[in-house]
Protein backbone atom coordinates (compact mmCIF):
# COMPACT_ATOMS: atom_id res chain seq x y z
CA MET A 1 17.45 134.80 120.99
CA SER A 2 19.57 137.45 122.78
CA ILE A 3 22.06 139.47 120.86
CA THR A 4 24.87 137.77 122.73
CA SER A 5 23.56 134.45 121.83
CA ALA A 6 23.22 135.42 118.19
CA LEU A 7 26.94 136.45 118.18
CA PHE A 8 28.15 133.18 119.70
CA THR A 9 25.85 131.13 117.30
CA GLY A 10 27.31 132.95 114.32
CA VAL A 11 30.83 132.53 115.58
CA SER A 12 30.30 128.71 115.92
CA GLY A 13 28.95 128.68 112.36
CA LEU A 14 32.05 130.56 111.12
CA LEU A 15 34.58 128.32 112.87
CA ASN A 16 33.00 125.03 111.89
CA ASN A 17 32.21 125.98 108.28
CA ALA A 18 35.83 127.11 108.00
CA GLU A 19 37.01 123.68 109.17
CA GLY A 20 34.48 122.09 106.73
CA MET A 21 36.14 124.19 103.93
CA ASN A 22 39.46 122.78 105.01
CA VAL A 23 38.20 119.19 104.59
CA ILE A 24 36.82 120.12 101.18
CA GLY A 25 40.05 121.80 100.17
CA ASN A 26 41.99 118.69 101.28
CA ASN A 27 39.82 116.42 99.10
CA ILE A 28 40.25 118.52 96.02
CA SER A 29 43.99 118.80 96.54
CA ASN A 30 44.22 115.05 96.59
CA VAL A 31 42.04 114.34 93.54
CA ASN A 32 45.10 112.87 91.77
CA THR A 33 46.62 111.07 94.73
CA ILE A 34 46.65 107.31 94.24
CA GLY A 35 44.53 105.42 96.63
CA PHE A 36 43.37 108.53 98.45
CA LYS A 37 40.08 108.28 100.36
CA GLY A 38 38.07 111.46 100.80
CA SER A 39 36.48 112.84 103.92
CA ARG A 40 33.24 114.66 104.78
CA THR A 41 32.30 116.90 107.70
CA LEU A 42 29.32 115.87 109.80
CA PHE A 43 27.69 118.75 111.66
CA SER A 44 25.37 118.59 114.61
CA ASP A 45 23.31 121.11 116.63
CA MET A 46 24.81 122.27 119.87
CA LEU A 47 23.07 121.88 123.23
CA SER A 48 19.68 123.75 123.27
CA THR A 49 18.32 125.88 126.05
CA PRO A 50 14.58 125.61 127.02
CA THR A 51 12.62 128.74 126.54
CA THR A 52 8.94 129.77 127.14
CA ASN A 53 6.03 127.70 125.80
CA ARG A 54 8.03 124.56 125.98
CA SER A 55 10.27 125.71 123.20
CA GLN A 56 14.00 125.24 122.83
CA MET A 57 16.66 127.53 121.44
CA GLY A 58 19.83 126.23 119.85
CA HIS A 59 23.35 127.67 120.36
CA GLY A 60 24.85 127.11 116.96
CA THR A 61 26.64 124.20 115.34
CA THR A 62 29.58 121.93 116.10
CA ILE A 63 31.54 119.30 114.13
CA GLN A 64 30.28 115.90 115.15
CA LYS A 65 32.91 114.00 113.18
CA ILE A 66 35.12 114.22 110.12
CA ASP A 67 34.17 110.97 108.44
CA ASN A 68 36.42 108.96 105.97
CA LEU A 69 34.79 107.58 102.89
CA PHE A 70 36.07 104.23 101.62
CA THR A 71 34.07 103.84 98.39
CA GLN A 72 35.67 101.98 95.65
CA SER A 73 37.24 104.09 92.94
CA SER A 74 38.23 103.40 89.28
CA PHE A 75 41.51 101.70 88.18
CA GLU A 76 44.17 103.14 86.04
CA SER A 77 46.30 100.73 83.96
CA THR A 78 50.01 101.31 84.45
CA GLY A 79 51.88 98.37 82.84
CA ASN A 80 54.00 97.94 86.02
CA VAL A 81 53.71 94.46 87.56
CA THR A 82 54.24 95.64 91.14
CA ASP A 83 51.37 98.21 90.88
CA ILE A 84 48.41 96.57 92.56
CA ALA A 85 44.74 97.46 92.97
CA ILE A 86 42.18 95.77 95.20
CA GLN A 87 38.67 95.08 93.87
CA GLY A 88 36.69 94.98 97.12
CA ASP A 89 36.90 96.49 100.68
CA SER A 90 40.27 95.15 101.87
CA PHE A 91 43.46 97.09 102.60
CA PHE A 92 47.06 96.27 101.93
CA ALA A 93 48.88 95.48 105.17
CA LEU A 94 52.23 97.36 105.60
CA ALA A 95 55.22 97.47 108.13
CA GLY A 96 56.74 100.84 108.99
CA PRO A 97 60.24 101.65 107.87
CA SER A 98 61.50 101.33 111.46
CA ASP A 99 59.66 98.22 112.37
CA PRO A 100 61.91 95.19 113.17
CA LYS A 101 62.30 92.93 110.21
CA GLY A 102 62.35 89.66 112.04
CA THR A 103 59.22 90.17 114.03
CA ALA A 104 55.75 89.31 112.67
CA ILE A 105 53.31 92.29 112.47
CA THR A 106 49.68 91.62 112.91
CA GLY A 107 46.45 93.38 113.74
CA GLU A 108 46.63 96.96 115.04
CA LYS A 109 50.44 97.19 114.60
CA ALA A 110 50.28 97.17 110.87
CA TYR A 111 49.66 100.17 108.62
CA TYR A 112 46.81 99.92 106.06
CA THR A 113 46.43 101.57 102.68
CA ARG A 114 44.56 101.27 99.30
CA ALA A 115 47.57 102.80 97.43
CA GLY A 116 49.27 99.87 95.73
CA ALA A 117 52.24 101.64 94.05
CA PHE A 118 54.96 99.24 95.20
CA ARG A 119 58.52 98.96 94.07
CA LEU A 120 61.48 96.68 94.86
CA THR A 121 63.80 98.76 97.11
CA PRO A 122 67.00 97.90 98.84
CA ASP A 123 67.35 97.83 102.63
CA THR A 124 69.49 100.96 103.21
CA THR A 125 70.17 100.06 106.82
CA VAL A 126 72.86 97.39 105.90
CA ALA A 127 75.79 97.21 103.61
CA PRO A 128 75.34 95.58 100.19
CA PRO A 129 74.53 93.10 98.83
CA VAL A 130 71.14 93.61 100.43
CA ASP A 131 67.64 92.13 100.17
CA LEU A 132 64.95 93.98 98.30
CA TYR A 133 61.54 94.71 99.71
CA LEU A 134 58.26 95.47 98.01
CA SER A 135 57.74 98.99 99.47
CA ASN A 136 55.65 102.05 98.84
CA PRO A 137 57.28 105.42 97.99
CA ASP A 138 57.63 106.29 101.68
CA GLY A 139 59.49 103.01 102.56
CA TYR A 140 56.59 101.09 104.18
CA ARG A 141 57.10 97.40 103.32
CA LEU A 142 54.34 95.22 102.08
CA LEU A 143 53.66 92.24 104.40
CA ASP A 144 52.95 88.55 103.64
CA THR A 145 50.10 86.69 105.24
CA ALA A 146 52.23 85.69 108.14
CA GLY A 147 53.01 89.35 108.94
CA TYR A 148 56.64 89.51 107.64
CA PRO A 149 57.86 91.93 104.92
CA ILE A 150 58.09 90.34 101.45
CA THR A 151 61.77 89.87 100.86
CA VAL A 152 63.50 89.18 97.44
CA PRO A 153 67.27 88.32 97.72
CA VAL A 154 69.44 90.25 95.36
CA ALA A 155 70.66 88.10 92.32
CA ALA A 156 74.42 87.60 91.78
CA ALA A 157 76.17 88.85 88.62
CA PRO A 158 75.91 86.78 86.56
CA PRO A 159 72.82 85.23 88.25
CA ALA A 160 72.89 81.63 89.40
CA ASP A 161 70.17 79.18 88.26
CA THR A 162 68.19 79.67 91.51
CA ASP A 163 68.65 83.44 91.73
CA ILE A 164 65.58 85.64 91.29
CA ILE A 165 65.81 87.84 88.25
CA LYS A 166 62.55 89.78 88.57
CA ILE A 167 58.90 89.59 89.47
CA THR A 168 56.83 88.55 86.48
CA ALA A 169 53.29 88.47 87.77
CA ILE A 170 51.11 88.97 90.89
CA ASP A 171 47.97 86.71 90.66
CA THR A 172 44.45 87.87 91.70
CA ASP A 173 44.83 85.76 94.84
CA GLY A 174 48.17 87.33 95.96
CA LYS A 175 50.63 84.80 94.76
CA ILE A 176 53.82 86.38 93.33
CA SER A 177 55.46 84.77 90.32
CA MET A 178 59.24 85.28 89.75
CA LEU A 179 61.61 84.55 86.97
CA ARG A 180 64.83 82.65 88.01
CA GLY A 181 68.23 82.54 86.54
CA ASP A 182 67.60 79.26 84.79
CA GLY A 183 64.57 80.74 82.99
CA THR A 184 61.99 78.85 85.02
CA VAL A 185 59.14 80.57 86.92
CA ALA A 186 58.74 79.96 90.60
CA TYR A 187 56.37 81.38 93.24
CA TYR A 188 57.46 83.57 96.22
CA SER A 189 57.64 81.41 99.29
CA ALA A 190 58.89 82.24 102.78
CA VAL A 191 59.12 80.70 106.21
CA ALA A 192 58.82 83.19 109.16
CA GLY A 193 59.93 86.03 106.69
CA VAL A 194 62.95 84.14 105.39
CA PRO A 195 62.46 83.51 101.65
CA VAL A 196 62.93 80.03 100.14
CA ALA A 197 66.00 80.16 97.84
CA GLY A 198 64.76 80.31 94.27
CA GLY A 199 61.13 80.23 95.28
CA ASP A 200 58.92 77.25 94.96
CA THR A 201 57.51 75.93 91.61
CA ASN A 202 54.44 74.44 93.41
CA ALA A 203 51.73 77.10 93.55
CA ALA A 204 50.30 75.50 96.63
CA ASN A 205 53.37 76.45 98.61
CA ALA A 206 53.28 80.04 97.60
CA THR A 207 53.35 82.68 100.27
CA ARG A 208 50.77 85.41 99.48
CA LEU A 209 50.94 89.11 100.08
CA ALA A 210 48.67 90.34 102.94
CA THR A 211 45.52 92.20 102.83
CA LEU A 212 42.82 92.72 105.52
CA ARG A 213 39.23 93.45 105.39
CA VAL A 214 38.64 95.82 108.37
CA PRO A 215 35.37 95.06 110.10
CA TYR A 216 34.56 98.81 110.75
CA PRO A 217 36.79 100.93 108.47
CA GLY A 218 35.11 104.15 109.50
CA GLU A 219 36.91 103.86 112.79
CA LEU A 220 40.37 103.90 111.22
CA GLU A 221 42.68 106.83 111.83
CA LYS A 222 44.38 108.66 109.14
CA PHE A 223 48.21 108.47 109.44
CA GLY A 224 49.11 110.51 106.34
CA GLY A 225 50.46 109.46 103.06
CA THR A 226 47.20 107.52 102.20
CA LEU A 227 47.93 105.35 105.28
CA PHE A 228 45.51 104.41 108.14
CA LYS A 229 46.13 102.86 111.56
CA ALA A 230 43.75 100.63 113.53
CA ASN A 231 44.46 102.31 116.92
CA ASN A 232 40.80 102.40 117.87
CA PRO A 233 39.52 98.89 119.08
CA ALA A 234 36.21 99.96 117.55
CA THR A 235 37.67 99.00 114.10
CA GLY A 236 37.45 95.34 115.07
CA VAL A 237 41.18 94.84 114.55
CA THR A 238 43.14 93.55 117.52
CA SER A 239 46.52 91.98 118.11
CA ALA A 240 45.02 88.59 117.43
CA THR A 241 43.67 89.60 113.94
CA VAL A 242 45.27 87.43 111.23
CA LEU A 243 46.24 88.93 107.94
CA TYR A 244 45.06 87.09 104.85
CA SER A 245 44.95 87.26 101.05
CA ALA A 246 42.22 89.33 99.52
CA THR A 247 40.66 86.34 97.82
CA TRP A 248 40.77 83.91 100.74
CA ASN A 249 39.46 84.53 104.33
CA SER A 250 41.56 82.37 106.66
CA ALA A 251 39.05 82.97 109.52
CA THR A 252 36.18 81.23 107.71
CA ASN A 253 38.18 79.18 105.18
CA LEU A 254 35.82 80.50 102.52
CA PRO A 255 36.72 82.43 99.34
CA SER A 256 35.58 86.01 99.11
CA GLN A 257 34.59 87.95 96.07
CA GLU A 258 37.62 90.15 96.14
CA LYS A 259 40.57 90.27 93.75
CA LEU A 260 43.98 91.73 93.25
CA PHE A 261 44.81 93.40 89.89
CA SER A 262 48.42 93.72 89.00
CA ASN A 263 49.54 96.38 86.47
CA ASN A 264 46.79 98.71 87.95
CA LEU A 265 46.38 101.41 90.46
CA GLU A 266 43.22 102.59 92.26
CA GLN A 267 42.58 106.30 91.81
CA SER A 268 41.29 108.82 94.31
CA ASN A 269 37.57 108.45 95.12
CA VAL A 270 37.09 112.26 95.18
CA ASP A 271 34.51 113.50 92.77
CA MET A 272 35.38 117.06 91.74
CA ALA A 273 31.87 118.13 90.83
CA THR A 274 30.49 117.05 94.15
CA GLU A 275 33.20 118.72 96.11
CA PHE A 276 32.68 122.09 94.19
CA VAL A 277 29.06 121.89 95.03
CA LYS A 278 29.96 121.32 98.69
CA MET A 279 32.38 124.24 98.47
CA ILE A 280 29.70 126.59 97.21
CA LEU A 281 27.22 125.53 99.93
CA THR A 282 29.88 125.83 102.60
CA GLN A 283 30.83 129.29 101.38
CA ARG A 284 27.23 130.43 101.39
CA ALA A 285 26.80 129.09 105.00
CA TYR A 286 29.95 130.87 106.02
CA SER A 287 28.69 134.07 104.57
CA ALA A 288 25.30 133.71 106.29
CA ASN A 289 26.98 133.33 109.65
CA SER A 290 29.16 136.27 108.99
CA LYS A 291 25.97 138.20 108.24
CA THR A 292 24.46 136.98 111.48
CA ILE A 293 27.41 138.46 113.42
CA THR A 294 27.23 141.68 111.52
CA THR A 295 23.51 142.10 112.20
CA ALA A 296 24.00 141.25 115.84
CA ASP A 297 26.66 143.94 116.10
CA GLU A 298 24.43 146.52 114.36
CA MET A 299 21.63 145.69 116.82
CA THR A 300 24.01 146.13 119.74
CA GLN A 301 25.12 149.52 118.35
CA GLU A 302 21.41 150.53 118.04
CA VAL A 303 20.78 149.62 121.73
CA LEU A 304 23.79 151.56 122.92
CA ASN A 305 22.65 154.54 120.84
CA LEU A 306 19.27 154.45 122.46
CA LYS A 307 20.93 154.75 125.93
CA ARG A 308 22.71 157.94 125.07
């Protein structure tokens, strides 16, 4: 290996290990972020050059991919009925704050997340009284299986018999139970995004909240705020993809093993001990590449001194 090659090899190691340290730092900083999914850096050898005796000489390292890890994490009990965790591989399907409310959102147009901290929030774009949406802290609205935001009309004061007072439960299959003004319990039901007044007392007519099991989640793109987008066709999600409840796959009409747990939130899947071990190894690799550059520089200096 020439001195120049050693320098460039060391530089590639410095740059890519520094990026690897950024990934580790981001994981550690989000250890307490609800629904956060950590990442890892995959390195690969750069193109090699044939040398004598049928040998090959490498030219350093490059980042092959920053891979998202979607392993299931532990649940934390919160006591809030609109906090939801998914047991399984599915994602909650959300509409963006600026997405039109009367248009169904399916497939790659939706946002996906494992962070289920939802609250009933008013629509700030219109004058009161306004409908309430199940939204995350950033205003992204939870969708039903038809692709429309889940909408709860505001109750009058005092509430009428059919007015919805509050959400009382969210079943493991995504059905939402609500308390009415007359004291009875009804299920959330909507037609093309328009909620049925007072809900429906028949569970069979309930409209479920939407989740989706992404065929190839490793191809999802991070959008920020624990959100992902299926912009890459390699995810297996298209405009024709149908949203469905976590416990029922409408594509096969077969129940799955997944469940929704109300009053719970999924924690970050980052393991602090593992990340600190990775940090130490990455720091050592960074130091070793720095030493390579220093040694190559010293060798260059010695060669220059010989020519004097």
